[in-house]
Amino acid sequence: MTEKSYPAVETLLPHRPPMLLVERILSVGEKTGLALAQIPADHLFLRKDNTLSPEVYCELIAQGFGACEAWRRVQKGLTIDGGGFLASLRDVTVLAPAYVGDELTIHTEKVEECFDTHIVFGEVFCKEKKLAQATIYIYMWKNEDVKTL
């Protein structure tokens, strides 16, 4: 079985290091997505005890969703210009820390779309262990123009 190839996250999100936290897309469904992030020793949001600052989980969920949503738009021939931004958080639960060297998978699901806001439920895992979950509200582009090259 061959793994599906997705474009580099840098081509889908406006973020650049050190704020680009998601490394790659693993899978994209109609409303779901799976992305990967690693915690290097020089991570921007690393605390003195070598754990990731807990508030970063929400940004990981937002970037994971953003990359997958951008890819869905590209597949439809739509522009990704403008992007989106994290507007609000709800029901944030941090269950365990992430450490230097951890490989994190970010699961996202678009629950609802209301006007220009996507309501997304996301979870962050390290291997099989759930580290955090949250419902996030992302204000995103509604530009339905066909992407021009």
N, C-alpha and C. Protein backbone atom coordinates (compact mmCIF):
# COMPACT_ATOMS: atom_id res chain seq x y z
N MET A 1 0.84 -1.18 0.00
CA MET A 1 0.00 0.00 0.00
C MET A 1 0.89 1.24 0.00
N THR A 2 0.64 2.17 -0.90
CA THR A 2 1.45 3.38 -0.95
C THR A 2 0.78 4.50 -0.18
N GLU A 3 1.61 5.31 0.44
CA GLU A 3 1.11 6.44 1.22
C GLU A 3 0.79 7.59 0.26
N LYS A 4 -0.34 8.25 0.47
CA LYS A 4 -0.72 9.38 -0.38
C LYS A 4 0.26 10.53 -0.13
N SER A 5 0.60 11.21 -1.18
CA SER A 5 1.54 12.32 -1.08
C SER A 5 0.76 13.63 -1.03
N TYR A 6 1.11 14.47 -0.09
CA TYR A 6 0.50 15.79 0.06
C TYR A 6 1.58 16.85 -0.12
N PRO A 7 1.18 18.06 -0.51
CA PRO A 7 2.18 19.12 -0.67
C PRO A 7 2.77 19.54 0.68
N ALA A 8 3.90 20.19 0.64
CA ALA A 8 4.54 20.70 1.85
C ALA A 8 3.59 21.67 2.55
N VAL A 9 3.55 21.58 3.86
CA VAL A 9 2.66 22.43 4.66
C VAL A 9 2.95 23.92 4.40
N GLU A 10 4.21 24.26 4.15
CA GLU A 10 4.59 25.65 3.88
C GLU A 10 3.88 26.23 2.66
N THR A 11 3.44 25.36 1.76
CA THR A 11 2.73 25.85 0.57
C THR A 11 1.24 26.05 0.84
N LEU A 12 0.77 25.58 1.99
CA LEU A 12 -0.66 25.64 2.32
C LEU A 12 -0.98 26.63 3.42
N LEU A 13 -0.03 26.91 4.29
CA LEU A 13 -0.23 27.82 5.43
C LEU A 13 0.65 29.05 5.29
N PRO A 14 0.21 30.18 5.84
CA PRO A 14 1.06 31.38 5.78
C PRO A 14 2.18 31.37 6.82
N HIS A 15 2.12 30.47 7.78
CA HIS A 15 3.12 30.41 8.85
C HIS A 15 4.50 30.04 8.32
N ARG A 16 5.52 30.56 8.99
CA ARG A 16 6.91 30.21 8.71
C ARG A 16 7.60 29.96 10.04
N PRO A 17 8.67 29.16 10.02
CA PRO A 17 9.38 28.91 11.28
C PRO A 17 9.78 30.23 11.93
N PRO A 18 9.72 30.32 13.20
CA PRO A 18 9.46 29.27 14.16
C PRO A 18 7.97 29.06 14.49
N MET A 19 7.07 29.82 13.84
CA MET A 19 5.63 29.68 14.15
C MET A 19 4.97 28.55 13.37
N LEU A 20 5.63 28.00 12.38
CA LEU A 20 5.07 26.85 11.67
C LEU A 20 5.34 25.62 12.53
N LEU A 21 4.30 25.07 13.12
CA LEU A 21 4.43 23.98 14.08
C LEU A 21 4.11 22.61 13.48
N VAL A 22 3.28 22.58 12.46
CA VAL A 22 2.88 21.32 11.83
C VAL A 22 3.85 21.02 10.70
N GLU A 23 4.32 19.78 10.64
CA GLU A 23 5.33 19.41 9.64
C GLU A 23 4.75 18.87 8.36
N ARG A 24 3.70 18.05 8.48
CA ARG A 24 3.14 17.48 7.26
C ARG A 24 1.73 16.94 7.50
N ILE A 25 1.03 16.80 6.40
CA ILE A 25 -0.30 16.19 6.39
C ILE A 25 -0.13 14.69 6.23
N LEU A 26 -0.89 13.93 7.01
CA LEU A 26 -0.88 12.48 6.89
C LEU A 26 -2.08 11.96 6.10
N SER A 27 -3.26 12.58 6.33
CA SER A 27 -4.45 12.19 5.57
C SER A 27 -5.49 13.30 5.63
N VAL A 28 -6.33 13.32 4.60
CA VAL A 28 -7.40 14.33 4.51
C VAL A 28 -8.66 13.64 4.04
N GLY A 29 -9.74 13.81 4.82
CA GLY A 29 -11.05 13.32 4.43
C GLY A 29 -11.94 14.51 4.11
N GLU A 30 -13.21 14.23 3.88
CA GLU A 30 -14.16 15.31 3.54
C GLU A 30 -14.26 16.35 4.65
N LYS A 31 -14.27 15.90 5.90
CA LYS A 31 -14.36 16.82 7.04
C LYS A 31 -13.27 16.55 8.08
N THR A 32 -12.42 15.58 7.83
CA THR A 32 -11.41 15.19 8.80
C THR A 32 -10.01 15.38 8.25
N GLY A 33 -9.07 15.42 9.17
CA GLY A 33 -7.67 15.53 8.75
C GLY A 33 -6.77 14.97 9.83
N LEU A 34 -5.58 14.59 9.40
CA LEU A 34 -4.57 14.08 10.31
C LEU A 34 -3.25 14.70 9.89
N ALA A 35 -2.58 15.33 10.86
CA ALA A 35 -1.31 15.99 10.58
C ALA A 35 -0.27 15.56 11.61
N LEU A 36 0.98 15.87 11.33
CA LEU A 36 2.10 15.45 12.17
C LEU A 36 2.92 16.66 12.60
N ALA A 37 3.37 16.63 13.85
CA ALA A 37 4.29 17.64 14.37
C ALA A 37 5.32 16.93 15.25
N GLN A 38 6.53 17.46 15.28
CA GLN A 38 7.57 16.91 16.14
C GLN A 38 8.01 18.01 17.10
N ILE A 39 8.51 17.59 18.26
CA ILE A 39 8.97 18.55 19.26
C ILE A 39 10.51 18.52 19.31
N PRO A 40 11.16 19.43 18.58
CA PRO A 40 12.62 19.46 18.61
C PRO A 40 13.13 20.17 19.87
N ALA A 41 14.39 20.00 20.16
CA ALA A 41 15.00 20.59 21.37
C ALA A 41 14.99 22.12 21.34
N ASP A 42 14.87 22.71 20.16
CA ASP A 42 14.85 24.18 20.07
C ASP A 42 13.46 24.73 19.77
N HIS A 43 12.43 23.96 20.09
CA HIS A 43 11.04 24.37 19.82
C HIS A 43 10.75 25.71 20.49
N LEU A 44 10.09 26.58 19.77
CA LEU A 44 9.79 27.93 20.24
C LEU A 44 9.01 27.93 21.56
N PHE A 45 8.13 26.95 21.76
CA PHE A 45 7.26 26.95 22.94
C PHE A 45 7.63 25.87 23.95
N LEU A 46 8.91 25.57 24.02
CA LEU A 46 9.39 24.58 24.98
C LEU A 46 9.67 25.25 26.32
N ARG A 47 9.22 24.61 27.39
CA ARG A 47 9.46 25.14 28.73
C ARG A 47 10.77 24.60 29.29
N LYS A 48 11.19 25.13 30.42
CA LYS A 48 12.47 24.73 31.03
C LYS A 48 12.53 23.25 31.38
N ASP A 49 11.39 22.63 31.64
CA ASP A 49 11.38 21.20 31.98
C ASP A 49 11.29 20.30 30.73
N ASN A 50 11.54 20.89 29.55
CA ASN A 50 11.52 20.17 28.26
C ASN A 50 10.14 19.65 27.87
N THR A 51 9.09 20.31 28.37
CA THR A 51 7.73 20.00 27.95
C THR A 51 7.19 21.16 27.11
N LEU A 52 6.23 20.84 26.29
CA LEU A 52 5.59 21.84 25.45
C LEU A 52 4.61 22.65 26.29
N SER A 53 4.60 23.96 26.11
CA SER A 53 3.61 24.80 26.80
C SER A 53 2.22 24.32 26.42
N PRO A 54 1.33 24.09 27.40
CA PRO A 54 0.03 23.49 27.10
C PRO A 54 -0.85 24.29 26.15
N GLU A 55 -0.73 25.61 26.14
CA GLU A 55 -1.58 26.41 25.26
C GLU A 55 -1.27 26.17 23.78
N VAL A 56 -0.13 25.60 23.49
CA VAL A 56 0.27 25.36 22.11
C VAL A 56 -0.58 24.27 21.45
N TYR A 57 -1.19 23.40 22.23
CA TYR A 57 -2.04 22.36 21.64
C TYR A 57 -3.13 22.96 20.75
N CYS A 58 -3.70 24.08 21.16
CA CYS A 58 -4.76 24.71 20.35
C CYS A 58 -4.20 25.21 19.02
N GLU A 59 -2.99 25.75 19.04
CA GLU A 59 -2.37 26.20 17.79
C GLU A 59 -2.04 25.01 16.90
N LEU A 60 -1.62 23.91 17.47
CA LEU A 60 -1.37 22.69 16.68
C LEU A 60 -2.65 22.22 15.99
N ILE A 61 -3.76 22.24 16.73
CA ILE A 61 -5.04 21.85 16.15
C ILE A 61 -5.42 22.81 15.02
N ALA A 62 -5.25 24.11 15.26
CA ALA A 62 -5.59 25.10 14.23
C ALA A 62 -4.74 24.93 12.98
N GLN A 63 -3.44 24.74 13.14
CA GLN A 63 -2.58 24.57 11.98
C GLN A 63 -2.84 23.24 11.27
N GLY A 64 -3.10 22.19 12.03
CA GLY A 64 -3.43 20.91 11.41
C GLY A 64 -4.68 21.01 10.57
N PHE A 65 -5.71 21.65 11.14
CA PHE A 65 -6.94 21.85 10.38
C PHE A 65 -6.71 22.76 9.18
N GLY A 66 -5.99 23.85 9.40
CA GLY A 66 -5.75 24.82 8.32
C GLY A 66 -5.06 24.19 7.13
N ALA A 67 -4.06 23.37 7.38
CA ALA A 67 -3.34 22.71 6.28
C ALA A 67 -4.27 21.76 5.52
N CYS A 68 -5.05 20.99 6.25
CA CYS A 68 -5.97 20.04 5.61
C CYS A 68 -7.08 20.76 4.85
N GLU A 69 -7.60 21.83 5.43
CA GLU A 69 -8.66 22.60 4.76
C GLU A 69 -8.12 23.26 3.50
N ALA A 70 -6.90 23.78 3.57
CA ALA A 70 -6.29 24.38 2.38
C ALA A 70 -6.14 23.33 1.28
N TRP A 71 -5.72 22.12 1.65
CA TRP A 71 -5.57 21.05 0.65
C TRP A 71 -6.93 20.70 0.03
N ARG A 72 -7.99 20.67 0.85
CA ARG A 72 -9.33 20.41 0.29
C ARG A 72 -9.69 21.47 -0.74
N ARG A 73 -9.35 22.72 -0.45
CA ARG A 73 -9.64 23.82 -1.38
C ARG A 73 -8.82 23.67 -2.66
N VAL A 74 -7.56 23.35 -2.53
CA VAL A 74 -6.70 23.16 -3.70
C VAL A 74 -7.29 22.07 -4.60
N GLN A 75 -7.75 20.99 -4.00
CA GLN A 75 -8.33 19.89 -4.76
C GLN A 75 -9.58 20.31 -5.52
N LYS A 76 -10.27 21.34 -5.04
CA LYS A 76 -11.47 21.85 -5.72
C LYS A 76 -11.13 22.97 -6.71
N GLY A 77 -9.84 23.32 -6.81
CA GLY A 77 -9.43 24.39 -7.71
C GLY A 77 -9.68 25.78 -7.16
N LEU A 78 -9.85 25.89 -5.83
CA LEU A 78 -10.13 27.17 -5.20
C LEU A 78 -8.86 27.81 -4.65
N THR A 79 -8.90 29.09 -4.47
CA THR A 79 -7.75 29.81 -3.93
C THR A 79 -7.54 29.50 -2.44
N ILE A 80 -6.30 29.60 -2.03
CA ILE A 80 -6.00 29.51 -0.60
C ILE A 80 -5.45 30.84 -0.11
N ASP A 81 -5.51 31.85 -0.96
CA ASP A 81 -5.08 33.19 -0.57
C ASP A 81 -5.94 33.70 0.57
N GLY A 82 -5.34 34.33 1.53
CA GLY A 82 -6.08 34.90 2.65
C GLY A 82 -6.03 34.05 3.89
N GLY A 83 -6.17 32.75 3.74
CA GLY A 83 -6.07 31.84 4.88
C GLY A 83 -7.15 32.05 5.92
N GLY A 84 -6.77 31.93 7.17
CA GLY A 84 -7.70 32.07 8.27
C GLY A 84 -6.95 32.31 9.56
N PHE A 85 -7.69 32.47 10.63
CA PHE A 85 -7.03 32.64 11.93
C PHE A 85 -7.88 32.07 13.04
N LEU A 86 -7.20 31.66 14.09
CA LEU A 86 -7.84 31.11 15.27
C LEU A 86 -8.59 32.24 15.98
N ALA A 87 -9.90 32.11 16.07
CA ALA A 87 -10.72 33.18 16.62
C ALA A 87 -11.16 32.93 18.06
N SER A 88 -11.38 31.66 18.42
CA SER A 88 -11.90 31.37 19.76
C SER A 88 -11.62 29.92 20.12
N LEU A 89 -11.66 29.66 21.41
CA LEU A 89 -11.43 28.31 21.94
C LEU A 89 -12.58 27.93 22.85
N ARG A 90 -12.84 26.63 22.94
CA ARG A 90 -13.88 26.15 23.84
C ARG A 90 -13.53 24.74 24.29
N ASP A 91 -13.86 24.43 25.50
CA ASP A 91 -13.68 23.08 26.03
C ASP A 91 -12.27 22.54 25.82
N VAL A 92 -11.28 23.35 26.16
CA VAL A 92 -9.88 22.94 26.05
C VAL A 92 -9.55 22.03 27.24
N THR A 93 -9.05 20.85 26.95
CA THR A 93 -8.66 19.91 27.98
C THR A 93 -7.24 19.43 27.70
N VAL A 94 -6.34 19.66 28.65
CA VAL A 94 -4.97 19.16 28.54
C VAL A 94 -4.85 17.98 29.49
N LEU A 95 -4.49 16.83 28.95
CA LEU A 95 -4.43 15.60 29.73
C LEU A 95 -3.02 15.18 30.12
N ALA A 96 -2.04 15.53 29.29
CA ALA A 96 -0.66 15.10 29.54
C ALA A 96 0.29 16.01 28.76
N PRO A 97 1.53 16.11 29.21
CA PRO A 97 2.50 16.95 28.50
C PRO A 97 3.13 16.25 27.30
N ALA A 98 3.63 17.04 26.39
CA ALA A 98 4.46 16.54 25.28
C ALA A 98 5.90 16.91 25.61
N TYR A 99 6.84 16.04 25.26
CA TYR A 99 8.25 16.22 25.60
C TYR A 99 9.11 16.37 24.34
N VAL A 100 10.30 16.90 24.52
CA VAL A 100 11.27 16.98 23.44
C VAL A 100 11.40 15.60 22.82
N GLY A 101 11.37 15.56 21.50
CA GLY A 101 11.50 14.30 20.77
C GLY A 101 10.19 13.62 20.44
N ASP A 102 9.11 14.04 21.07
CA ASP A 102 7.81 13.42 20.79
C ASP A 102 7.34 13.72 19.38
N GLU A 103 6.70 12.73 18.77
CA GLU A 103 6.04 12.89 17.49
C GLU A 103 4.54 12.96 17.79
N LEU A 104 3.92 14.05 17.43
CA LEU A 104 2.52 14.28 17.74
C LEU A 104 1.66 14.12 16.48
N THR A 105 0.52 13.48 16.64
CA THR A 105 -0.45 13.44 15.56
C THR A 105 -1.63 14.30 15.98
N ILE A 106 -2.12 15.07 15.04
CA ILE A 106 -3.21 16.00 15.29
C ILE A 106 -4.40 15.55 14.46
N HIS A 107 -5.47 15.15 15.13
CA HIS A 107 -6.71 14.73 14.48
C HIS A 107 -7.67 15.92 14.51
N THR A 108 -8.25 16.25 13.37
CA THR A 108 -9.23 17.34 13.33
C THR A 108 -10.48 16.89 12.59
N GLU A 109 -11.60 17.47 13.00
CA GLU A 109 -12.87 17.22 12.32
C GLU A 109 -13.68 18.51 12.30
N LYS A 110 -14.09 18.90 11.09
CA LYS A 110 -14.94 20.08 10.95
C LYS A 110 -16.34 19.67 11.40
N VAL A 111 -16.81 20.26 12.49
CA VAL A 111 -18.10 19.91 13.07
C VAL A 111 -19.22 20.72 12.43
N GLU A 112 -18.93 21.98 12.17
CA GLU A 112 -19.96 22.87 11.63
C GLU A 112 -19.30 24.05 10.97
N GLU A 113 -20.04 24.67 10.06
CA GLU A 113 -19.58 25.89 9.41
C GLU A 113 -20.69 26.91 9.55
N CYS A 114 -20.39 28.05 10.12
CA CYS A 114 -21.38 29.10 10.34
C CYS A 114 -20.82 30.40 9.79
N PHE A 115 -21.41 30.87 8.70
CA PHE A 115 -20.91 32.03 7.98
C PHE A 115 -19.45 31.77 7.60
N ASP A 116 -18.52 32.58 8.04
CA ASP A 116 -17.12 32.40 7.66
C ASP A 116 -16.32 31.70 8.76
N THR A 117 -16.99 31.08 9.70
CA THR A 117 -16.31 30.43 10.82
C THR A 117 -16.49 28.92 10.76
N HIS A 118 -15.38 28.23 10.88
CA HIS A 118 -15.39 26.77 10.94
C HIS A 118 -15.26 26.36 12.40
N ILE A 119 -16.15 25.50 12.86
CA ILE A 119 -16.08 24.97 14.22
C ILE A 119 -15.43 23.60 14.09
N VAL A 120 -14.30 23.43 14.78
CA VAL A 120 -13.46 22.25 14.60
C VAL A 120 -13.19 21.59 15.95
N PHE A 121 -13.36 20.28 16.00
CA PHE A 121 -12.96 19.52 17.17
C PHE A 121 -11.61 18.89 16.85
N GLY A 122 -10.66 19.05 17.75
CA GLY A 122 -9.33 18.49 17.51
C GLY A 122 -8.78 17.76 18.71
N GLU A 123 -7.92 16.80 18.42
CA GLU A 123 -7.24 16.04 19.47
C GLU A 123 -5.77 15.92 19.09
N VAL A 124 -4.91 15.93 20.11
CA VAL A 124 -3.48 15.76 19.89
C VAL A 124 -3.04 14.50 20.63
N PHE A 125 -2.34 13.63 19.91
CA PHE A 125 -1.88 12.36 20.46
C PHE A 125 -0.36 12.25 20.35
N CYS A 126 0.22 11.51 21.28
CA CYS A 126 1.59 11.04 21.17
C CYS A 126 1.48 9.52 21.23
N LYS A 127 1.75 8.88 20.10
CA LYS A 127 1.50 7.45 19.94
C LYS A 127 0.01 7.23 20.18
N GLU A 128 -0.37 6.40 21.11
CA GLU A 128 -1.79 6.14 21.37
C GLU A 128 -2.35 6.98 22.50
N LYS A 129 -1.50 7.78 23.14
CA LYS A 129 -1.91 8.54 24.32
C LYS A 129 -2.44 9.92 23.91
N LYS A 130 -3.69 10.20 24.31
CA LYS A 130 -4.26 11.51 24.03
C LYS A 130 -3.67 12.53 25.00
N LEU A 131 -3.11 13.62 24.44
CA LEU A 131 -2.51 14.67 25.26
C LEU A 131 -3.46 15.84 25.49
N ALA A 132 -4.29 16.13 24.51
CA ALA A 132 -5.18 17.29 24.63
C ALA A 132 -6.31 17.20 23.62
N GLN A 133 -7.36 17.96 23.90
CA GLN A 133 -8.47 18.11 22.96
C GLN A 133 -9.09 19.48 23.15
N ALA A 134 -9.72 19.97 22.10
CA ALA A 134 -10.35 21.29 22.16
C ALA A 134 -11.31 21.45 21.00
N THR A 135 -12.27 22.33 21.19
CA THR A 135 -13.10 22.81 20.10
C THR A 135 -12.60 24.21 19.79
N ILE A 136 -12.26 24.43 18.54
CA ILE A 136 -11.73 25.74 18.15
C ILE A 136 -12.62 26.35 17.07
N TYR A 137 -12.62 27.65 17.04
CA TYR A 137 -13.37 28.40 16.05
C TYR A 137 -12.36 29.11 15.18
N ILE A 138 -12.40 28.82 13.89
CA ILE A 138 -11.43 29.39 12.97
C ILE A 138 -12.18 30.23 11.94
N TYR A 139 -11.86 31.50 11.90
CA TYR A 139 -12.41 32.38 10.87
C TYR A 139 -11.57 32.14 9.61
N MET A 140 -12.24 31.77 8.52
CA MET A 140 -11.52 31.45 7.29
C MET A 140 -12.11 32.17 6.10
N TRP A 141 -11.30 32.19 5.05
CA TRP A 141 -11.70 32.80 3.80
C TRP A 141 -12.98 32.16 3.27
N LYS A 142 -13.74 32.94 2.55
CA LYS A 142 -14.91 32.42 1.85
C LYS A 142 -14.77 32.68 0.36
N ASN A 143 -13.59 33.07 -0.06
CA ASN A 143 -13.35 33.38 -1.46
C ASN A 143 -13.48 32.10 -2.27
N GLU A 144 -14.46 32.04 -3.12
CA GLU A 144 -14.69 30.85 -3.95
C GLU A 144 -14.09 30.98 -5.34
N ASP A 145 -13.27 32.02 -5.54
CA ASP A 145 -12.65 32.21 -6.84
C ASP A 145 -11.72 31.04 -7.16
N VAL A 146 -11.64 30.73 -8.43
CA VAL A 146 -10.72 29.70 -8.88
C VAL A 146 -9.30 30.23 -8.73
N LYS A 147 -8.42 29.39 -8.25
CA LYS A 147 -7.03 29.78 -8.04
C LYS A 147 -6.37 30.04 -9.40
N THR A 148 -5.65 31.14 -9.48
CA THR A 148 -4.91 31.44 -10.69
C THR A 148 -3.43 31.22 -10.42
N LEU A 149 -2.75 30.74 -11.41
CA LEU A 149 -1.31 30.46 -11.26
C LEU A 149 -0.47 31.59 -11.79
